[in-house]
Protein backbone atom coordinates (compact mmCIF):
# COMPACT_ATOMS: atom_id res chain seq x y z
CA MET A 1 112.32 126.71 72.69
CA LEU A 2 114.07 129.91 73.67
CA GLU A 3 117.39 130.87 72.17
CA PHE A 4 120.19 131.65 74.62
CA SER A 5 123.52 133.36 74.03
CA VAL A 6 126.33 134.90 76.10
CA LYS A 7 128.52 137.95 75.81
CA SER A 8 130.34 140.47 77.98
CA GLY A 9 129.97 144.21 78.04
CA ALA A 10 128.90 147.29 79.97
CA PRO A 11 125.18 147.55 80.75
CA GLU A 12 124.74 151.09 79.45
CA LYS A 13 126.03 150.01 76.02
CA GLN A 14 123.71 147.03 75.50
CA ARG A 15 121.28 147.49 72.61
CA SER A 16 118.25 145.54 73.73
CA SER A 17 114.51 145.70 74.23
CA CYS A 18 115.15 145.26 77.93
CA LEU A 19 118.01 145.01 80.42
CA ILE A 20 117.55 142.93 83.57
CA VAL A 21 119.47 144.17 86.60
CA GLY A 22 119.17 143.38 90.29
CA VAL A 23 118.43 145.29 93.48
CA TYR A 24 119.22 143.88 96.93
CA GLU A 25 117.05 144.54 99.97
CA ALA A 26 117.38 147.96 101.58
CA ARG A 27 117.33 149.32 97.99
CA LYS A 28 120.98 148.51 97.34
CA LEU A 29 121.71 148.46 93.63
CA SER A 30 123.75 145.64 92.12
CA GLU A 31 126.94 146.57 90.28
CA ALA A 32 125.22 146.63 86.87
CA ALA A 33 122.34 148.67 88.28
CA GLU A 34 124.83 151.13 89.81
CA THR A 35 126.55 151.56 86.45
CA ILE A 36 123.22 152.36 84.79
CA ASP A 37 122.37 154.70 87.65
CA LYS A 38 125.58 156.69 87.15
CA SER A 39 125.11 156.86 83.37
CA SER A 40 121.52 158.06 83.80
CA GLY A 41 122.26 160.70 86.40
CA GLY A 42 120.75 158.83 89.34
CA TYR A 43 117.58 157.76 87.55
CA LEU A 44 117.39 154.33 89.24
CA SER A 45 118.29 155.48 92.73
CA ALA A 46 115.62 158.15 92.52
CA ILE A 47 113.05 155.42 91.84
CA THR A 48 114.25 153.19 94.67
CA ARG A 49 114.26 156.13 97.10
CA ARG A 50 110.57 156.63 96.38
CA GLY A 51 109.98 153.05 97.57
CA ASP A 52 108.89 151.59 94.23
CA MET A 53 111.51 148.84 94.54
CA GLU A 54 112.64 147.66 97.96
CA GLY A 55 114.66 144.69 96.68
CA GLU A 56 112.50 141.91 98.09
CA LEU A 57 113.37 138.64 96.37
CA GLY A 58 111.31 138.17 93.21
CA ASP A 59 109.76 141.65 93.05
CA THR A 60 109.96 143.30 89.62
CA LEU A 61 109.62 146.83 88.26
CA LEU A 62 109.73 147.70 84.56
CA ILE A 63 111.14 151.15 83.76
CA HIS A 64 110.89 153.02 80.45
CA GLY A 65 113.01 155.85 79.12
CA VAL A 66 116.12 155.51 81.27
CA PRO A 67 118.42 158.25 79.90
CA ASN A 68 121.90 157.75 78.42
CA ILE A 69 121.66 153.98 77.84
CA GLN A 70 121.10 151.99 74.66
CA ALA A 71 118.36 149.67 75.97
CA GLU A 72 114.70 150.57 75.51
CA ARG A 73 113.67 149.47 78.99
CA VAL A 74 115.18 148.30 82.27
CA LEU A 75 113.65 145.63 84.48
CA LEU A 76 114.62 145.87 88.13
CA VAL A 77 114.31 142.57 89.97
CA GLY A 78 114.61 142.07 93.73
CA LEU A 79 117.51 139.88 94.91
CA GLY A 80 116.67 139.70 98.61
CA LYS A 81 119.28 140.11 101.33
CA GLU A 82 122.79 140.44 99.92
CA ARG A 83 124.32 138.29 102.66
CA GLU A 84 121.89 135.48 101.89
CA PHE A 85 122.09 135.67 98.10
CA ASP A 86 122.77 132.22 96.65
CA LEU A 87 122.00 130.15 93.56
CA PRO A 88 118.37 129.36 94.52
CA ALA A 89 117.80 133.10 95.07
CA LEU A 90 119.32 133.88 91.68
CA LEU A 91 117.05 131.35 89.99
CA LYS A 92 113.97 132.72 91.76
CA ALA A 93 114.88 136.25 90.65
CA THR A 94 115.55 135.08 87.10
CA THR A 95 112.24 133.23 86.94
CA ALA A 96 110.35 136.29 88.21
CA ALA A 97 112.07 138.50 85.65
CA VAL A 98 111.26 136.23 82.73
CA LYS A 99 107.62 135.83 83.73
CA ALA A 100 107.35 139.62 83.97
CA LEU A 101 108.70 140.09 80.44
CA HIS A 102 107.14 137.12 78.68
CA TYR A 103 103.65 138.66 78.66
CA ARG A 104 104.73 142.26 78.01
CA GLY A 105 105.75 142.08 74.38
CA THR A 106 109.49 141.74 75.01
CA THR A 107 110.87 139.34 72.42
CA GLU A 108 114.47 139.56 73.60
CA CYS A 109 116.35 140.72 76.68
CA VAL A 110 119.81 140.96 78.19
CA SER A 111 120.31 139.66 81.72
CA HIS A 112 123.05 140.99 83.97
CA LEU A 113 121.97 138.65 86.78
CA THR A 114 124.41 135.98 85.58
CA GLU A 115 127.40 138.21 86.36
CA LEU A 116 126.47 138.39 90.03
CA ASP A 117 129.05 136.63 92.18
CA ILE A 118 127.89 133.64 94.20
CA ARG A 119 130.51 132.12 96.46
CA GLY A 120 131.42 128.54 95.55
CA VAL A 121 129.34 128.47 92.35
CA GLU A 122 131.04 128.46 88.96
CA LEU A 123 129.82 130.59 86.07
CA GLU A 124 129.02 127.51 83.96
CA GLN A 125 126.67 126.26 86.67
CA ILE A 126 125.00 129.67 86.95
CA LEU A 127 124.45 129.87 83.19
CA ARG A 128 123.16 126.31 82.82
CA GLN A 129 120.71 126.51 85.70
CA SER A 130 119.55 130.00 84.70
CA ALA A 131 118.67 128.76 81.21
CA LEU A 132 116.84 125.72 82.59
CA ALA A 133 114.91 127.90 85.07
CA ILE A 134 113.84 130.25 82.29
CA ASP A 135 112.58 127.45 80.06
CA ALA A 136 110.76 125.86 83.01
CA ALA A 137 109.07 129.20 83.77
CA ILE A 138 107.49 129.50 80.31
CA TYR A 139 106.79 125.79 79.64
CA ARG A 140 103.17 125.08 78.69
CA PHE A 141 101.28 121.88 77.91
CA ASP A 142 97.96 122.91 76.41
CA GLN A 143 98.02 121.33 72.97
CA LEU A 144 95.09 119.08 73.84
CA LYS A 145 92.78 121.95 74.77
CA SER A 146 90.19 122.97 72.16
CA SER A 147 90.85 126.57 73.20
CA PRO A 148 94.44 126.78 74.47
CA ASP A 149 95.28 129.38 77.08
CA PRO A 150 96.01 132.73 75.42
CA ALA A 151 99.65 132.86 74.37
CA PRO A 152 101.63 136.11 74.52
CA ARG A 153 101.21 138.12 71.32
CA ARG A 154 104.94 138.71 71.18
CA PRO A 155 106.52 136.13 73.51
CA LEU A 156 110.07 136.17 74.77
CA ARG A 157 112.27 134.35 72.25
CA LYS A 158 115.88 135.20 73.07
CA VAL A 159 117.83 135.79 76.28
CA THR A 160 121.42 136.99 76.32
CA PHE A 161 123.42 136.34 79.47
CA ILE A 162 126.19 138.77 80.43
CA THR A 163 129.42 137.28 81.78
CA PRO A 164 131.72 139.15 84.19
CA SER A 165 134.58 139.27 81.64
CA ARG A 166 135.62 138.01 78.20
CA ARG A 167 137.84 135.41 79.82
CA GLY A 168 136.15 132.07 79.81
CA LEU A 169 133.66 133.15 77.14
CA LEU A 170 134.22 129.93 75.18
CA GLU A 171 133.40 127.83 78.27
CA ALA A 172 130.34 130.00 78.89
CA GLU A 173 129.11 129.47 75.32
CA ASN A 174 129.57 125.73 75.76
CA ALA A 175 127.58 125.79 79.01
CA VAL A 176 124.71 127.55 77.26
CA ARG A 177 124.84 125.08 74.37
CA GLU A 178 124.61 122.22 76.86
CA ALA A 179 121.76 123.97 78.68
CA MET A 180 119.74 124.28 75.47
CA ALA A 181 120.17 120.56 74.75
CA ILE A 182 119.25 119.64 78.33
CA SER A 183 116.24 121.93 78.25
CA SER A 184 115.04 120.33 75.02
CA GLY A 185 115.40 116.88 76.61
CA ILE A 186 113.49 118.00 79.71
CA ALA A 187 110.69 119.40 77.53
CA LEU A 188 110.48 116.09 75.66
CA THR A 189 110.32 114.24 78.99
CA LYS A 190 107.57 116.54 80.29
CA ASN A 191 105.55 116.34 77.08
CA LEU A 192 105.57 112.53 77.10
CA ALA A 193 104.72 112.32 80.79
CA ASN A 194 101.91 114.88 80.53
CA LEU A 195 100.16 113.00 77.73
CA PRO A 196 96.97 111.22 78.79
CA PRO A 197 97.17 107.42 79.04
CA ASN A 198 94.76 106.88 76.15
CA LEU A 199 97.38 108.52 73.90
CA CYS A 200 100.62 107.64 75.69
CA THR A 201 100.76 103.87 75.21
CA PRO A 202 103.79 101.55 75.03
CA SER A 203 103.54 101.75 71.24
CA LEU A 204 103.64 105.55 71.30
CA LEU A 205 106.75 105.55 73.51
CA ALA A 206 108.38 103.18 71.01
CA ASP A 207 107.45 105.52 68.16
CA HIS A 208 109.01 108.50 69.97
CA ALA A 209 112.21 106.54 70.56
CA ARG A 210 112.37 105.61 66.86
CA LYS A 211 111.71 109.24 65.91
CA LEU A 212 114.97 110.24 67.59
CA THR A 213 116.85 108.45 64.81
CA GLU A 214 115.42 110.91 62.26
CA THR A 215 117.41 113.78 63.76
CA HIS A 216 120.21 111.65 65.21
CA PRO A 217 121.00 108.97 62.59
CA HIS A 218 123.93 107.64 64.63
CA LEU A 219 121.44 106.43 67.28
CA ALA A 220 120.38 102.79 67.09
CA VAL A 221 116.88 101.95 68.33
CA GLU A 222 115.42 98.46 68.62
CA VAL A 223 111.96 97.62 69.94
CA LEU A 224 111.38 94.10 71.27
CA ASP A 225 107.81 92.86 70.97
CA GLN A 226 105.99 90.30 73.10
CA SER A 227 107.22 87.35 71.06
CA ARG A 228 110.86 88.37 71.47
CA MET A 229 110.41 88.92 75.18
CA GLU A 230 108.80 85.50 75.57
CA THR A 231 111.80 83.94 73.84
CA LEU A 232 114.11 85.77 76.26
CA GLY A 233 112.10 84.57 79.27
CA MET A 234 110.88 87.98 80.41
CA HIS A 235 107.87 86.47 82.15
CA ALA A 236 107.86 89.00 85.01
CA LEU A 237 107.48 91.92 82.61
CA LEU A 238 104.94 90.08 80.46
CA ALA A 239 102.88 89.06 83.50
CA VAL A 240 102.17 92.72 84.28
CA ALA A 241 100.98 93.34 80.72
CA LYS A 242 98.57 90.38 80.66
CA GLY A 243 95.56 92.36 81.89
CA SER A 244 95.76 95.01 79.17
CA THR A 245 94.89 95.09 75.48
CA GLU A 246 97.96 97.30 74.94
CA ALA A 247 100.96 95.30 73.71
CA PRO A 248 104.09 95.52 75.89
CA LYS A 249 107.38 96.77 74.46
CA LEU A 250 111.03 96.74 75.46
CA ILE A 251 112.71 99.76 73.89
CA VAL A 252 116.50 99.72 73.51
CA MET A 253 118.37 102.89 72.44
CA GLU A 254 122.13 102.90 71.84
CA HIS A 255 124.40 105.94 71.58
CA LEU A 256 127.91 104.80 70.72
CA GLY A 257 129.99 107.93 71.13
CA GLY A 258 133.01 106.32 72.78
CA GLU A 259 135.44 103.60 71.82
CA ALA A 260 133.73 100.45 70.58
CA ASP A 261 135.16 98.29 73.36
CA THR A 262 134.33 100.75 76.17
CA PRO A 263 131.60 99.44 78.50
CA PRO A 264 128.46 101.61 78.30
CA ILE A 265 126.47 103.41 80.94
CA VAL A 266 123.02 101.85 80.91
CA LEU A 267 119.93 103.85 81.86
CA VAL A 268 116.71 101.97 82.64
CA GLY A 269 113.34 103.71 82.97
CA LYS A 270 110.08 102.29 84.30
CA GLY A 271 107.39 102.71 81.67
CA VAL A 272 103.98 101.81 83.10
CA THR A 273 101.85 104.05 80.87
CA PHE A 274 98.92 103.68 83.23
CA ASP A 275 98.90 101.93 86.58
CA SER A 276 95.44 100.98 87.79
CA GLY A 277 97.05 98.68 90.36
CA GLY A 278 95.73 95.67 88.43
CA ILE A 279 93.62 93.24 90.48
CA SER A 280 94.95 95.02 93.60
CA LEU A 281 93.05 98.07 92.36
CA LYS A 282 94.15 101.49 93.55
CA PRO A 283 91.70 103.88 95.29
CA GLY A 284 89.89 106.14 92.85
CA LEU A 285 91.17 109.39 94.40
CA ASP A 286 94.02 110.83 92.27
CA MET A 287 94.18 107.71 90.11
CA ASP A 288 94.46 110.02 87.08
CA GLN A 289 98.00 110.78 88.25
CA MET A 290 98.98 107.20 87.52
CA LYS A 291 99.58 108.30 83.94
CA TYR A 292 102.89 109.56 85.38
CA ASP A 293 103.98 106.00 86.17
CA MET A 294 105.97 106.12 82.93
CA ALA A 295 107.96 109.20 83.99
CA GLY A 296 111.14 107.11 84.32
CA ALA A 297 110.70 105.89 80.74
CA ALA A 298 110.12 109.46 79.53
CA ALA A 299 113.29 110.56 81.35
CA VAL A 300 115.40 107.89 79.64
CA ILE A 301 114.10 108.93 76.21
CA GLY A 302 114.80 112.57 77.08
CA LEU A 303 118.30 111.74 78.30
CA ILE A 304 119.17 109.77 75.17
CA SER A 305 118.04 112.76 73.07
CA ILE A 306 120.41 115.01 75.08
CA VAL A 307 123.35 112.62 74.79
CA ALA A 308 122.77 112.38 71.03
CA GLU A 309 122.32 116.14 70.58
CA LEU A 310 125.56 116.91 72.43
CA LYS A 311 127.35 113.97 70.75
CA LEU A 312 128.88 113.05 74.09
CA PRO A 313 132.02 110.90 73.60
CA ILE A 314 130.70 108.05 75.75
CA ASN A 315 128.64 104.94 75.18
CA VAL A 316 125.14 105.12 76.63
CA VAL A 317 122.33 102.59 76.35
CA GLY A 318 118.72 103.39 77.27
CA ILE A 319 116.36 100.55 78.14
CA VAL A 320 112.64 101.19 78.57
CA PRO A 321 110.36 98.33 79.66
CA THR A 322 106.85 99.61 79.00
CA VAL A 323 103.43 98.11 79.74
CA GLU A 324 99.97 99.07 80.90
CA ASN A 325 98.79 97.60 84.23
CA MET A 326 95.06 96.86 84.07
CA PRO A 327 92.56 94.51 85.75
CA SER A 328 90.84 91.89 83.56
CA GLY A 329 90.11 88.19 83.36
CA ASN A 330 93.65 87.67 82.06
CA ALA A 331 95.37 89.87 84.63
CA LEU A 332 98.10 88.87 87.04
CA LYS A 333 96.60 87.81 90.39
CA PRO A 334 97.78 87.96 94.02
CA GLY A 335 99.18 84.54 94.77
CA ASP A 336 100.54 83.94 91.26
CA ILE A 337 104.14 82.80 90.99
CA ILE A 338 106.13 83.98 87.96
CA LYS A 339 109.60 83.27 86.68
CA SER A 340 111.82 86.23 85.86
CA MET A 341 114.37 86.40 83.04
CA SER A 342 117.09 85.79 85.65
CA GLY A 343 115.51 82.43 86.51
CA GLN A 344 114.46 83.59 89.98
CA THR A 345 110.82 83.02 90.90
CA ILE A 346 108.55 85.66 92.42
CA GLU A 347 105.38 85.24 94.45
CA VAL A 348 103.05 88.12 93.64
CA LEU A 349 101.38 89.31 96.84
CA ASN A 350 100.19 92.62 95.39
CA THR A 351 99.73 93.38 91.69
CA ASP A 352 100.18 97.09 92.42
CA ALA A 353 103.87 96.40 93.08
CA GLU A 354 104.30 95.92 89.34
CA GLY A 355 107.09 98.40 88.55
CA ARG A 356 109.72 96.17 90.14
CA LEU A 357 108.44 93.24 88.06
CA ILE A 358 109.08 94.96 84.75
CA LEU A 359 112.32 96.49 86.01
CA CYS A 360 113.81 93.20 87.20
CA ASP A 361 113.67 91.74 83.67
CA ALA A 362 115.03 94.96 82.15
CA LEU A 363 117.89 94.99 84.67
CA THR A 364 118.68 91.39 83.80
CA TYR A 365 118.61 92.27 80.10
CA ALA A 366 121.10 95.10 80.80
CA LYS A 367 123.77 92.50 81.63
CA ARG A 368 124.21 91.63 77.96
CA PHE A 369 125.78 95.05 77.35
CA LYS A 370 128.57 94.33 79.89
CA PRO A 371 127.87 97.76 81.43
CA GLU A 372 130.26 100.00 83.31
CA LEU A 373 127.28 100.86 85.51
CA VAL A 374 123.50 100.83 85.45
CA ILE A 375 121.12 103.51 86.75
CA ASP A 376 117.38 102.92 86.87
CA MET A 377 114.78 105.59 87.49
CA ALA A 378 111.25 104.72 88.51
CA THR A 379 108.14 106.15 90.12
CA LEU A 380 108.37 103.08 92.31
CA THR A 381 106.87 103.62 95.76
CA GLY A 382 104.50 105.92 97.58
CA ALA A 383 106.59 105.06 100.63
CA CYS A 384 109.44 107.15 99.21
CA VAL A 385 107.11 110.15 99.04
CA ILE A 386 106.18 109.63 102.69
CA ALA A 387 109.84 109.33 103.68
CA LEU A 388 111.31 112.24 101.70
CA GLY A 389 108.41 114.36 100.53
CA ARG A 390 108.69 115.90 97.06
CA VAL A 391 112.08 117.60 97.37
CA PRO A 392 114.79 114.97 96.71
CA SER A 393 114.57 111.73 94.78
CA GLY A 394 115.43 108.62 96.75
CA LEU A 395 118.83 107.11 95.94
CA PHE A 396 119.95 103.54 96.53
CA SER A 397 123.22 102.04 95.29
CA ASN A 398 125.39 98.98 95.69
CA THR A 399 128.51 101.10 95.01
CA ARG A 400 129.59 103.88 97.38
CA SER A 401 131.54 105.87 94.77
CA LEU A 402 128.61 105.85 92.34
CA ALA A 403 126.22 107.08 95.03
CA GLN A 404 128.59 109.91 95.94
CA GLU A 405 128.97 110.87 92.28
CA LEU A 406 125.20 111.10 91.88
CA ILE A 407 124.84 113.11 95.09
CA ARG A 408 127.40 115.64 93.79
CA ALA A 409 125.67 115.82 90.41
CA GLY A 410 122.41 116.48 92.24
CA GLU A 411 123.90 119.34 94.22
CA THR A 412 125.45 120.90 91.11
CA SER A 413 122.30 120.58 89.00
CA GLY A 414 119.83 121.48 91.74
CA ASP A 415 118.06 118.16 91.04
CA ARG A 416 118.94 116.65 94.39
CA VAL A 417 118.86 113.10 95.74
CA TRP A 418 118.99 111.63 99.24
CA GLU A 419 120.64 108.28 99.85
CA LEU A 420 118.67 105.61 101.68
CA PRO A 421 120.06 102.30 103.00
CA LEU A 422 120.33 99.17 100.89
CA TRP A 423 121.19 96.84 103.77
CA ASP A 424 120.92 93.06 103.62
CA GLU A 425 118.64 93.10 106.64
CA TYR A 426 115.77 94.30 104.45
CA GLN A 427 116.00 91.16 102.32
CA ALA A 428 114.33 89.14 105.09
CA GLN A 429 111.07 91.01 104.47
CA LEU A 430 110.92 89.56 100.95
CA LYS A 431 110.89 85.96 102.14
CA SER A 432 108.32 83.68 100.49
CA ASN A 433 107.27 80.17 101.47
CA PHE A 434 106.57 79.25 97.87
CA ALA A 435 109.02 81.16 95.63
CA ASP A 436 112.49 82.66 95.72
CA MET A 437 111.03 85.95 96.87
CA ALA A 438 107.81 87.91 97.33
CA ASN A 439 107.23 91.09 95.35
CA ILE A 440 106.45 93.16 98.46
CA GLY A 441 107.99 93.26 101.91
CA GLY A 442 105.16 94.54 104.05
CA ARG A 443 104.24 98.02 105.19
CA GLU A 444 107.48 98.96 106.93
CA GLY A 445 110.23 100.52 104.82
CA GLY A 446 108.38 100.09 101.53
CA ALA A 447 110.85 102.11 99.44
CA LEU A 448 113.74 100.19 100.99
CA THR A 449 112.31 96.72 100.41
CA ALA A 450 111.46 97.69 96.81
CA ALA A 451 115.11 98.63 96.28
CA ALA A 452 116.17 95.42 98.06
CA PHE A 453 114.03 93.49 95.57
CA LEU A 454 115.78 95.14 92.60
CA ALA A 455 119.17 94.53 94.21
CA ARG A 456 118.65 90.77 93.72
CA PHE A 457 118.90 91.35 89.95
CA THR A 458 121.87 93.74 89.91
CA LYS A 459 124.64 91.83 91.66
CA ASP A 460 126.84 91.59 88.55
CA TYR A 461 127.44 95.30 88.00
CA LYS A 462 127.60 98.71 89.66
CA TRP A 463 124.05 99.93 90.09
CA ALA A 464 122.03 102.85 91.39
CA HIS A 465 118.26 103.12 91.75
CA LEU A 466 116.41 106.45 91.76
CA ASP A 467 112.93 106.39 93.25
CA ILE A 468 111.30 109.43 91.65
CA ALA A 469 107.75 108.86 92.88
CA GLY A 470 107.83 112.14 94.78
CA THR A 471 109.70 114.25 92.24
CA ALA A 472 108.53 113.25 88.74
CA TRP A 473 105.43 115.43 88.89
CA VAL A 474 103.76 118.08 91.04
CA THR A 475 100.15 118.10 92.20
CA GLY A 476 97.61 120.83 92.86
CA ASP A 477 96.92 123.87 90.68
CA ASN A 478 100.25 123.47 88.89
CA LYS A 479 99.82 119.74 88.30
CA GLY A 480 102.25 118.46 85.70
CA ALA A 481 105.48 116.65 85.00
CA THR A 482 108.74 118.11 86.31
CA GLY A 483 111.18 116.39 83.95
CA ARG A 484 113.22 115.07 86.86
CA PRO A 485 115.75 113.41 87.10
CA VAL A 486 116.91 114.56 83.63
CA ALA A 487 118.88 117.55 84.94
CA LEU A 488 120.63 115.35 87.53
CA LEU A 489 121.63 112.62 85.09
CA SER A 490 122.58 115.11 82.35
CA GLU A 491 125.08 116.62 84.79
CA PHE A 492 126.31 113.13 85.66
CA LEU A 493 126.75 112.10 82.01
CA ILE A 494 128.39 115.37 80.90
CA LYS A 495 130.88 115.09 83.76
CA ARG A 496 131.58 111.48 82.79
CA ALA A 497 132.13 112.54 79.17
CA ARG A 498 134.71 115.12 80.27
CA GLY A 499 136.63 112.40 82.09
């Protein structure tokens, strides 16, 4: 992990391997770049006049030997049009700058991009998102390759952010400290989700949860095995696991940072370590990506690590129901009727709608903590990807204020959500002639009927459901886990902790 720090000071006086300063389109120097230009006798403006740096967003130019400054090198990075400069533009410029330096033997740098003014965006937000963008830019998952991709000989290890003034430096340092904890939690989430399904089993997820107690002894972790779950009546969860030789687990992690009698926030993450679809077998194309069906579980483990690292003064419980969904002679079948922990019966019409079956028992189990609220995150439906693409996560909630709070946290963190309806009218699609409900509601509104199914098990508390099927990983040449919605929920929990 990179080390981040903050300080204030004039650019020409910074002793560093490299200074990062910005240039807007039409070759307009940023304030820090102008200061360096004056100190160096017009050295930067002479370069921009020659057309080597036009200021197009994301362009970079590394300059050696700039006179009359303390830094060894200066990296000019394009900021785009000044009138259109916003937080996404800043993050794109920051990412481009870091990628340019990471493979050029620069072990540390000082960035003046964080002192650029962005209307309506606080410095803490700029610092936190800049740090997360930098770590995301250099993240690699190649430990399973026999010949890993060549690493930089002298990789970037430390980034210092410059603040506009010394005022608020303490808050800025705190923002960077939070960013480092969040980034570590996102990396843990990505690493777990990127593991292949032959390695990432329910037992491995349980081991990783237990491992958190080694560095955070105040965390309590309990893992319920099949026998315990049978005693509790978790027959919906266990039914999904029947077709696999991998034993199911229910992982419970407790961070008690608040008053003992304060109701906790409960986070629930879907943990299907591989989803073949079961008897309702998925098509072969892209089935390898079903290793990401435990991305919600990975996010909960990552979030609990962040909460513990920051010692947030709130009570948070993480619940991870985790199974493998496979076809076999013992597997759950279409037409089977199972009884959930809540006592409600479910007619299984499609064994590929298994995430809601393990979640419904976990959401029922959450009641025993008398929660203030419950948030589940799950790669639940392909229908959500069709509806929203891969930009926002789908949000459903039975509480208007909770939904609004999550929407705001999404906007602040850049890990956005879009609210979809949780209307009673969708319940009619779950009607069954033989059980209390069916596990699917037909082709229309698949993400909405999946949420409507979960809503039947969450009537006793405030609840939000995040469908992350379109946001938990990316496809194509850059295929890999994104770590979402860890940034969103970290923002939510930190804000809650501040009161």
